[in-house]
Amino acid sequence: VFLIIFSPPKTEILKFLLHYKSADHKGSILQYPIKLLTFYFSIFIQTFFIKCLYICCILYFKAMPTFMVFNKVRKKYL
């Protein structure tokens, strides 16, 4: 699960690299890793939240029937 959450899409990074190499930038060498890091971090945050929501929804909908059964049993026997 952690690997799924923490791995950003590789295609996005490749697109960024291609775009960055094709654009003529008059910046220092240090600018490149900083831009890459900020880009990577933004993707990481986006994918992290989307995947967290997705996992929460799955857990919620998978847990709901068991909770409903548990409530019925509890009302019947307790």
PDB file of N, CA and C in Angstrom:
ATOM      1  N   VAL A   1       0.837  -1.205   0.000  1.00  0.00           N
ATOM      2  CA  VAL A   1       0.000   0.000   0.000  1.00  0.00           C
ATOM      3  C   VAL A   1       0.871   1.255   0.000  1.00  0.00           C
ATOM      4  N   PHE A   2       1.925   1.251   0.809  1.00  0.00           N
ATOM      5  CA  PHE A   2       2.792   2.432   0.875  1.00  0.00           C
ATOM      6  C   PHE A   2       3.498   2.692  -0.451  1.00  0.00           C
ATOM      7  N   LEU A   3       3.898   1.611  -1.125  1.00  0.00           N
ATOM      8  CA  LEU A   3       4.543   1.770  -2.428  1.00  0.00           C
ATOM      9  C   LEU A   3       3.588   2.398  -3.431  1.00  0.00           C
ATOM     10  N   ILE A   4       2.329   1.999  -3.359  1.00  0.00           N
ATOM     11  CA  ILE A   4       1.325   2.554  -4.271  1.00  0.00           C
ATOM     12  C   ILE A   4       1.124   4.041  -3.974  1.00  0.00           C
ATOM     13  N   ILE A   5       1.070   4.383  -2.702  1.00  0.00           N
ATOM     14  CA  ILE A   5       0.806   5.775  -2.320  1.00  0.00           C
ATOM     15  C   ILE A   5       1.993   6.675  -2.656  1.00  0.00           C
ATOM     16  N   PHE A   6       3.200   6.220  -2.362  1.00  0.00           N
ATOM     17  CA  PHE A   6       4.353   7.111  -2.453  1.00  0.00           C
ATOM     18  C   PHE A   6       5.049   7.135  -3.808  1.00  0.00           C
ATOM     19  N   SER A   7       4.546   6.391  -4.804  1.00  0.00           N
ATOM     20  CA  SER A   7       5.195   6.445  -6.112  1.00  0.00           C
ATOM     21  C   SER A   7       4.392   7.323  -7.064  1.00  0.00           C
ATOM     22  N   PRO A   8       4.952   8.469  -7.446  1.00  0.00           N
ATOM     23  CA  PRO A   8       4.244   9.312  -8.408  1.00  0.00           C
ATOM     24  C   PRO A   8       4.301   8.697  -9.806  1.00  0.00           C
ATOM     25  N   PRO A   9       3.408   9.087 -10.699  1.00  0.00           N
ATOM     26  CA  PRO A   9       3.426   8.495 -12.032  1.00  0.00           C
ATOM     27  C   PRO A   9       4.715   8.811 -12.781  1.00  0.00           C
ATOM     28  N   LYS A  10       5.358   7.763 -13.303  1.00  0.00           N
ATOM     29  CA  LYS A  10       6.647   7.935 -13.990  1.00  0.00           C
ATOM     30  C   LYS A  10       6.488   8.730 -15.276  1.00  0.00           C
ATOM     31  N   THR A  11       5.346   8.591 -15.930  1.00  0.00           N
ATOM     32  CA  THR A  11       5.135   9.290 -17.202  1.00  0.00           C
ATOM     33  C   THR A  11       5.159  10.800 -17.007  1.00  0.00           C
ATOM     34  N   GLU A  12       4.616  11.262 -15.883  1.00  0.00           N
ATOM     35  CA  GLU A  12       4.603  12.705 -15.602  1.00  0.00           C
ATOM     36  C   GLU A  12       6.026  13.236 -15.453  1.00  0.00           C
ATOM     37  N   ILE A  13       6.868  12.474 -14.775  1.00  0.00           N
ATOM     38  CA  ILE A  13       8.255  12.892 -14.569  1.00  0.00           C
ATOM     39  C   ILE A  13       8.994  12.908 -15.902  1.00  0.00           C
ATOM     40  N   LEU A  14       8.748  11.892 -16.725  1.00  0.00           N
ATOM     41  CA  LEU A  14       9.378  11.833 -18.045  1.00  0.00           C
ATOM     42  C   LEU A  14       8.940  13.011 -18.909  1.00  0.00           C
ATOM     43  N   LYS A  15       7.653  13.337 -18.860  1.00  0.00           N
ATOM     44  CA  LYS A  15       7.137  14.490 -19.612  1.00  0.00           C
ATOM     45  C   LYS A  15       7.838  15.765 -19.168  1.00  0.00           C
ATOM     46  N   PHE A  16       7.978  15.906 -17.852  1.00  0.00           N
ATOM     47  CA  PHE A  16       8.630  17.100 -17.304  1.00  0.00           C
ATOM     48  C   PHE A  16      10.073  17.186 -17.779  1.00  0.00           C
ATOM     49  N   LEU A  17      10.788  16.048 -17.730  1.00  0.00           N
ATOM     50  CA  LEU A  17      12.186  16.028 -18.150  1.00  0.00           C
ATOM     51  C   LEU A  17      12.320  16.399 -19.622  1.00  0.00           C
ATOM     52  N   LEU A  18      11.459  15.833 -20.449  1.00  0.00           N
ATOM     53  CA  LEU A  18      11.493  16.132 -21.880  1.00  0.00           C
ATOM     54  C   LEU A  18      11.183  17.601 -22.127  1.00  0.00           C
ATOM     55  N   HIS A  19      10.199  18.114 -21.431  1.00  0.00           N
ATOM     56  CA  HIS A  19       9.811  19.518 -21.580  1.00  0.00           C
ATOM     57  C   HIS A  19      10.947  20.433 -21.131  1.00  0.00           C
ATOM     58  N   TYR A  20      11.589  20.069 -20.041  1.00  0.00           N
ATOM     59  CA  TYR A  20      12.661  20.899 -19.487  1.00  0.00           C
ATOM     60  C   TYR A  20      13.881  20.890 -20.402  1.00  0.00           C
ATOM     61  N   LYS A  21      14.169  19.718 -21.005  1.00  0.00           N
ATOM     62  CA  LYS A  21      15.327  19.625 -21.900  1.00  0.00           C
ATOM     63  C   LYS A  21      15.064  20.358 -23.210  1.00  0.00           C
ATOM     64  N   SER A  22      13.819  20.324 -23.684  1.00  0.00           N
ATOM     65  CA  SER A  22      13.497  20.957 -24.967  1.00  0.00           C
ATOM     66  C   SER A  22      13.459  22.486 -24.841  1.00  0.00           C
ATOM     67  N   ALA A  23      12.999  22.980 -23.708  1.00  0.00           N
ATOM     68  CA  ALA A  23      12.932  24.436 -23.504  1.00  0.00           C
ATOM     69  C   ALA A  23      14.338  24.978 -23.275  1.00  0.00           C
ATOM     70  N   ASP A  24      14.663  26.087 -23.972  1.00  0.00           N
ATOM     71  CA  ASP A  24      16.001  26.647 -23.707  1.00  0.00           C
ATOM     72  C   ASP A  24      15.914  27.571 -22.507  1.00  0.00           C
ATOM     73  N   HIS A  25      16.553  27.132 -21.467  1.00  0.00           N
ATOM     74  CA  HIS A  25      16.526  27.874 -20.211  1.00  0.00           C
ATOM     75  C   HIS A  25      17.905  28.468 -19.965  1.00  0.00           C
ATOM     76  N   LYS A  26      17.916  29.722 -19.543  1.00  0.00           N
ATOM     77  CA  LYS A  26      19.192  30.389 -19.243  1.00  0.00           C
ATOM     78  C   LYS A  26      19.351  30.470 -17.732  1.00  0.00           C
ATOM     79  N   GLY A  27      19.299  29.309 -17.106  1.00  0.00           N
ATOM     80  CA  GLY A  27      19.428  29.260 -15.653  1.00  0.00           C
ATOM     81  C   GLY A  27      20.681  28.509 -15.250  1.00  0.00           C
ATOM     82  N   SER A  28      20.987  28.546 -13.987  1.00  0.00           N
ATOM     83  CA  SER A  28      22.155  27.828 -13.500  1.00  0.00           C
ATOM     84  C   SER A  28      21.852  26.337 -13.422  1.00  0.00           C
ATOM     85  N   ILE A  29      22.878  25.560 -13.159  1.00  0.00           N
ATOM     86  CA  ILE A  29      22.722  24.106 -13.063  1.00  0.00           C
ATOM     87  C   ILE A  29      21.891  23.769 -11.822  1.00  0.00           C
ATOM     88  N   LEU A  30      21.975  24.608 -10.815  1.00  0.00           N
ATOM     89  CA  LEU A  30      21.234  24.366  -9.568  1.00  0.00           C
ATOM     90  C   LEU A  30      19.726  24.485  -9.750  1.00  0.00           C
ATOM     91  N   GLN A  31      19.313  25.290 -10.725  1.00  0.00           N
ATOM     92  CA  GLN A  31      17.878  25.503 -10.936  1.00  0.00           C
ATOM     93  C   GLN A  31      17.178  24.214 -11.344  1.00  0.00           C
ATOM     94  N   TYR A  32      17.869  23.383 -12.100  1.00  0.00           N
ATOM     95  CA  TYR A  32      17.255  22.159 -12.623  1.00  0.00           C
ATOM     96  C   TYR A  32      16.792  21.211 -11.519  1.00  0.00           C
ATOM     97  N   PRO A  33      17.677  20.816 -10.580  1.00  0.00           N
ATOM     98  CA  PRO A  33      17.203  19.917  -9.516  1.00  0.00           C
ATOM     99  C   PRO A  33      16.132  20.538  -8.626  1.00  0.00           C
ATOM    100  N   ILE A  34      16.214  21.850  -8.413  1.00  0.00           N
ATOM    101  CA  ILE A  34      15.209  22.514  -7.575  1.00  0.00           C
ATOM    102  C   ILE A  34      13.847  22.446  -8.251  1.00  0.00           C
ATOM    103  N   LYS A  35      13.825  22.748  -9.569  1.00  0.00           N
ATOM    104  CA  LYS A  35      12.558  22.681 -10.309  1.00  0.00           C
ATOM    105  C   LYS A  35      12.032  21.263 -10.332  1.00  0.00           C
ATOM    106  N   LEU A  36      12.923  20.312 -10.512  1.00  0.00           N
ATOM    107  CA  LEU A  36      12.521  18.905 -10.550  1.00  0.00           C
ATOM    108  C   LEU A  36      11.944  18.485  -9.202  1.00  0.00           C
ATOM    109  N   LEU A  37      12.586  18.912  -8.126  1.00  0.00           N
ATOM    110  CA  LEU A  37      12.108  18.571  -6.782  1.00  0.00           C
ATOM    111  C   LEU A  37      10.738  19.167  -6.504  1.00  0.00           C
ATOM    112  N   THR A  38      10.552  20.432  -6.873  1.00  0.00           N
ATOM    113  CA  THR A  38       9.252  21.067  -6.629  1.00  0.00           C
ATOM    114  C   THR A  38       8.163  20.382  -7.448  1.00  0.00           C
ATOM    115  N   PHE A  39       8.515  20.036  -8.685  1.00  0.00           N
ATOM    116  CA  PHE A  39       7.562  19.343  -9.559  1.00  0.00           C
ATOM    117  C   PHE A  39       7.211  17.976  -8.978  1.00  0.00           C
ATOM    118  N   TYR A  40       8.247  17.252  -8.565  1.00  0.00           N
ATOM    119  CA  TYR A  40       8.074  15.911  -7.992  1.00  0.00           C
ATOM    120  C   TYR A  40       7.206  15.987  -6.738  1.00  0.00           C
ATOM    121  N   PHE A  41       7.457  16.997  -5.925  1.00  0.00           N
ATOM    122  CA  PHE A  41       6.723  17.166  -4.669  1.00  0.00           C
ATOM    123  C   PHE A  41       5.252  17.478  -4.930  1.00  0.00           C
ATOM    124  N   SER A  42       4.985  18.331  -5.931  1.00  0.00           N
ATOM    125  CA  SER A  42       3.589  18.667  -6.254  1.00  0.00           C
ATOM    126  C   SER A  42       2.844  17.431  -6.742  1.00  0.00           C
ATOM    127  N   ILE A  43       3.491  16.635  -7.586  1.00  0.00           N
ATOM    128  CA  ILE A  43       2.875  15.386  -8.062  1.00  0.00           C
ATOM    129  C   ILE A  43       2.657  14.449  -6.886  1.00  0.00           C
ATOM    130  N   PHE A  44       3.651  14.363  -6.011  1.00  0.00           N
ATOM    131  CA  PHE A  44       3.575  13.482  -4.845  1.00  0.00           C
ATOM    132  C   PHE A  44       2.369  13.842  -3.985  1.00  0.00           C
ATOM    133  N   ILE A  45       2.171  15.137  -3.739  1.00  0.00           N
ATOM    134  CA  ILE A  45       1.041  15.585  -2.916  1.00  0.00           C
ATOM    135  C   ILE A  45      -0.288  15.242  -3.592  1.00  0.00           C
ATOM    136  N   GLN A  46      -0.374  15.545  -4.903  1.00  0.00           N
ATOM    137  CA  GLN A  46      -1.615  15.258  -5.638  1.00  0.00           C
ATOM    138  C   GLN A  46      -1.952  13.777  -5.596  1.00  0.00           C
ATOM    139  N   THR A  47      -0.978  12.944  -5.954  1.00  0.00           N
ATOM    140  CA  THR A  47      -1.239  11.501  -6.007  1.00  0.00           C
ATOM    141  C   THR A  47      -1.495  10.957  -4.608  1.00  0.00           C
ATOM    142  N   PHE A  48      -0.798  11.497  -3.618  1.00  0.00           N
ATOM    143  CA  PHE A  48      -0.967  11.037  -2.243  1.00  0.00           C
ATOM    144  C   PHE A  48      -2.405  11.249  -1.781  1.00  0.00           C
ATOM    145  N   PHE A  49      -2.931  12.460  -2.013  1.00  0.00           N
ATOM    146  CA  PHE A  49      -4.295  12.756  -1.576  1.00  0.00           C
ATOM    147  C   PHE A  49      -5.325  11.954  -2.351  1.00  0.00           C
ATOM    148  N   ILE A  50      -5.120  11.829  -3.665  1.00  0.00           N
ATOM    149  CA  ILE A  50      -6.063  11.061  -4.488  1.00  0.00           C
ATOM    150  C   ILE A  50      -6.086   9.606  -4.036  1.00  0.00           C
ATOM    151  N   LYS A  51      -4.887   9.046  -3.810  1.00  0.00           N
ATOM    152  CA  LYS A  51      -4.809   7.637  -3.408  1.00  0.00           C
ATOM    153  C   LYS A  51      -5.336   7.429  -1.994  1.00  0.00           C
ATOM    154  N   CYS A  52      -5.119   8.401  -1.125  1.00  0.00           N
ATOM    155  CA  CYS A  52      -5.664   8.303   0.236  1.00  0.00           C
ATOM    156  C   CYS A  52      -7.188   8.291   0.198  1.00  0.00           C
ATOM    157  N   LEU A  53      -7.758   9.182  -0.597  1.00  0.00           N
ATOM    158  CA  LEU A  53      -9.221   9.222  -0.737  1.00  0.00           C
ATOM    159  C   LEU A  53      -9.738   7.907  -1.296  1.00  0.00           C
ATOM    160  N   TYR A  54      -9.031   7.408  -2.298  1.00  0.00           N
ATOM    161  CA  TYR A  54      -9.416   6.157  -2.953  1.00  0.00           C
ATOM    162  C   TYR A  54      -9.399   4.999  -1.960  1.00  0.00           C
ATOM    163  N   ILE A  55      -8.307   4.915  -1.184  1.00  0.00           N
ATOM    164  CA  ILE A  55      -8.160   3.831  -0.199  1.00  0.00           C
ATOM    165  C   ILE A  55      -9.216   3.970   0.899  1.00  0.00           C
ATOM    166  N   CYS A  56      -9.463   5.206   1.343  1.00  0.00           N
ATOM    167  CA  CYS A  56     -10.488   5.436   2.372  1.00  0.00           C
ATOM    168  C   CYS A  56     -11.863   5.002   1.873  1.00  0.00           C
ATOM    169  N   CYS A  57     -12.172   5.324   0.614  1.00  0.00           N
ATOM    170  CA  CYS A  57     -13.463   4.925   0.042  1.00  0.00           C
ATOM    171  C   CYS A  57     -13.575   3.415  -0.011  1.00  0.00           C
ATOM    172  N   ILE A  58     -12.505   2.756  -0.449  1.00  0.00           N
ATOM    173  CA  ILE A  58     -12.524   1.288  -0.530  1.00  0.00           C
ATOM    174  C   ILE A  58     -12.733   0.694   0.858  1.00  0.00           C
ATOM    175  N   LEU A  59     -11.965   1.179   1.826  1.00  0.00           N
ATOM    176  CA  LEU A  59     -12.082   0.658   3.191  1.00  0.00           C
ATOM    177  C   LEU A  59     -13.477   0.911   3.754  1.00  0.00           C
ATOM    178  N   TYR A  60     -14.005   2.096   3.482  1.00  0.00           N
ATOM    179  CA  TYR A  60     -15.333   2.457   3.996  1.00  0.00           C
ATOM    180  C   TYR A  60     -16.406   1.543   3.412  1.00  0.00           C
ATOM    181  N   PHE A  61     -16.375   1.357   2.100  1.00  0.00           N
ATOM    182  CA  PHE A  61     -17.420   0.552   1.460  1.00  0.00           C
ATOM    183  C   PHE A  61     -17.246  -0.936   1.709  1.00  0.00           C
ATOM    184  N   LYS A  62     -16.013  -1.356   1.974  1.00  0.00           N
ATOM    185  CA  LYS A  62     -15.802  -2.771   2.303  1.00  0.00           C
ATOM    186  C   LYS A  62     -16.173  -3.041   3.757  1.00  0.00           C
ATOM    187  N   ALA A  63     -15.987  -2.045   4.602  1.00  0.00           N
ATOM    188  CA  ALA A  63     -16.270  -2.220   6.027  1.00  0.00           C
ATOM    189  C   ALA A  63     -17.754  -2.038   6.337  1.00  0.00           C
ATOM    190  N   MET A  64     -18.462  -1.285   5.496  1.00  0.00           N
ATOM    191  CA  MET A  64     -19.877  -1.000   5.768  1.00  0.00           C
ATOM    192  C   MET A  64     -20.747  -2.243   5.946  1.00  0.00           C
ATOM    193  N   PRO A  65     -20.702  -3.210   5.025  1.00  0.00           N
ATOM    194  CA  PRO A  65     -21.556  -4.393   5.220  1.00  0.00           C
ATOM    195  C   PRO A  65     -21.261  -5.133   6.520  1.00  0.00           C
ATOM    196  N   THR A  66     -19.981  -5.240   6.890  1.00  0.00           N
ATOM    197  CA  THR A  66     -19.628  -5.946   8.128  1.00  0.00           C
ATOM    198  C   THR A  66     -20.160  -5.196   9.342  1.00  0.00           C
ATOM    199  N   PHE A  67     -20.106  -3.864   9.298  1.00  0.00           N
ATOM    200  CA  PHE A  67     -20.641  -3.072  10.408  1.00  0.00           C
ATOM    201  C   PHE A  67     -22.154  -3.232  10.507  1.00  0.00           C
ATOM    202  N   MET A  68     -22.811  -3.280   9.354  1.00  0.00           N
ATOM    203  CA  MET A  68     -24.267  -3.450   9.349  1.00  0.00           C
ATOM    204  C   MET A  68     -24.646  -4.796   9.958  1.00  0.00           C
ATOM    205  N   VAL A  69     -23.900  -5.831   9.582  1.00  0.00           N
ATOM    206  CA  VAL A  69     -24.148  -7.172  10.128  1.00  0.00           C
ATOM    207  C   VAL A  69     -23.891  -7.167  11.632  1.00  0.00           C
ATOM    208  N   PHE A  70     -22.793  -6.535  12.024  1.00  0.00           N
ATOM    209  CA  PHE A  70     -22.431  -6.463  13.440  1.00  0.00           C
ATOM    210  C   PHE A  70     -23.526  -5.765  14.249  1.00  0.00           C
ATOM    211  N   ASN A  71     -24.066  -4.672  13.713  1.00  0.00           N
ATOM    212  CA  ASN A  71     -25.142  -3.937  14.397  1.00  0.00           C
ATOM    213  C   ASN A  71     -26.396  -4.784  14.545  1.00  0.00           C
ATOM    214  N   LYS A  72     -26.735  -5.529  13.484  1.00  0.00           N
ATOM    215  CA  LYS A  72     -27.918  -6.401  13.537  1.00  0.00           C
ATOM    216  C   LYS A  72     -27.742  -7.475  14.604  1.00  0.00           C
ATOM    217  N   VAL A  73     -26.554  -8.071  14.634  1.00  0.00           N
ATOM    218  CA  VAL A  73     -26.262  -9.124  15.619  1.00  0.00           C
ATOM    219  C   VAL A  73     -26.299  -8.539  17.025  1.00  0.00           C
ATOM    220  N   ARG A  74     -25.714  -7.357  17.184  1.00  0.00           N
ATOM    221  CA  ARG A  74     -25.666  -6.705  18.491  1.00  0.00           C
ATOM    222  C   ARG A  74     -27.073  -6.395  19.003  1.00  0.00           C
ATOM    223  N   LYS A  75     -27.927  -5.876  18.122  1.00  0.00           N
ATOM    224  CA  LYS A  75     -29.301  -5.543  18.521  1.00  0.00           C
ATOM    225  C   LYS A  75     -30.094  -6.795  18.878  1.00  0.00           C
ATOM    226  N   LYS A  76     -29.770  -7.878  18.197  1.00  0.00           N
ATOM    227  CA  LYS A  76     -30.523  -9.115  18.406  1.00  0.00           C
ATOM    228  C   LYS A  76     -30.136  -9.806  19.714  1.00  0.00           C
ATOM    229  N   TYR A  77     -28.834  -9.846  19.997  1.00  0.00           N
ATOM    230  CA  TYR A  77     -28.356 -10.652  21.135  1.00  0.00           C
ATOM    231  C   TYR A  77     -27.962  -9.843  22.366  1.00  0.00           C
ATOM    232  N   LEU A  78     -27.759  -8.537  22.214  1.00  0.00           N
ATOM    233  CA  LEU A  78     -27.333  -7.752  23.385  1.00  0.00           C
ATOM    234  C   LEU A  78     -28.440  -6.848  23.889  1.00  0.00           C
TER     235      LEU A  78
END
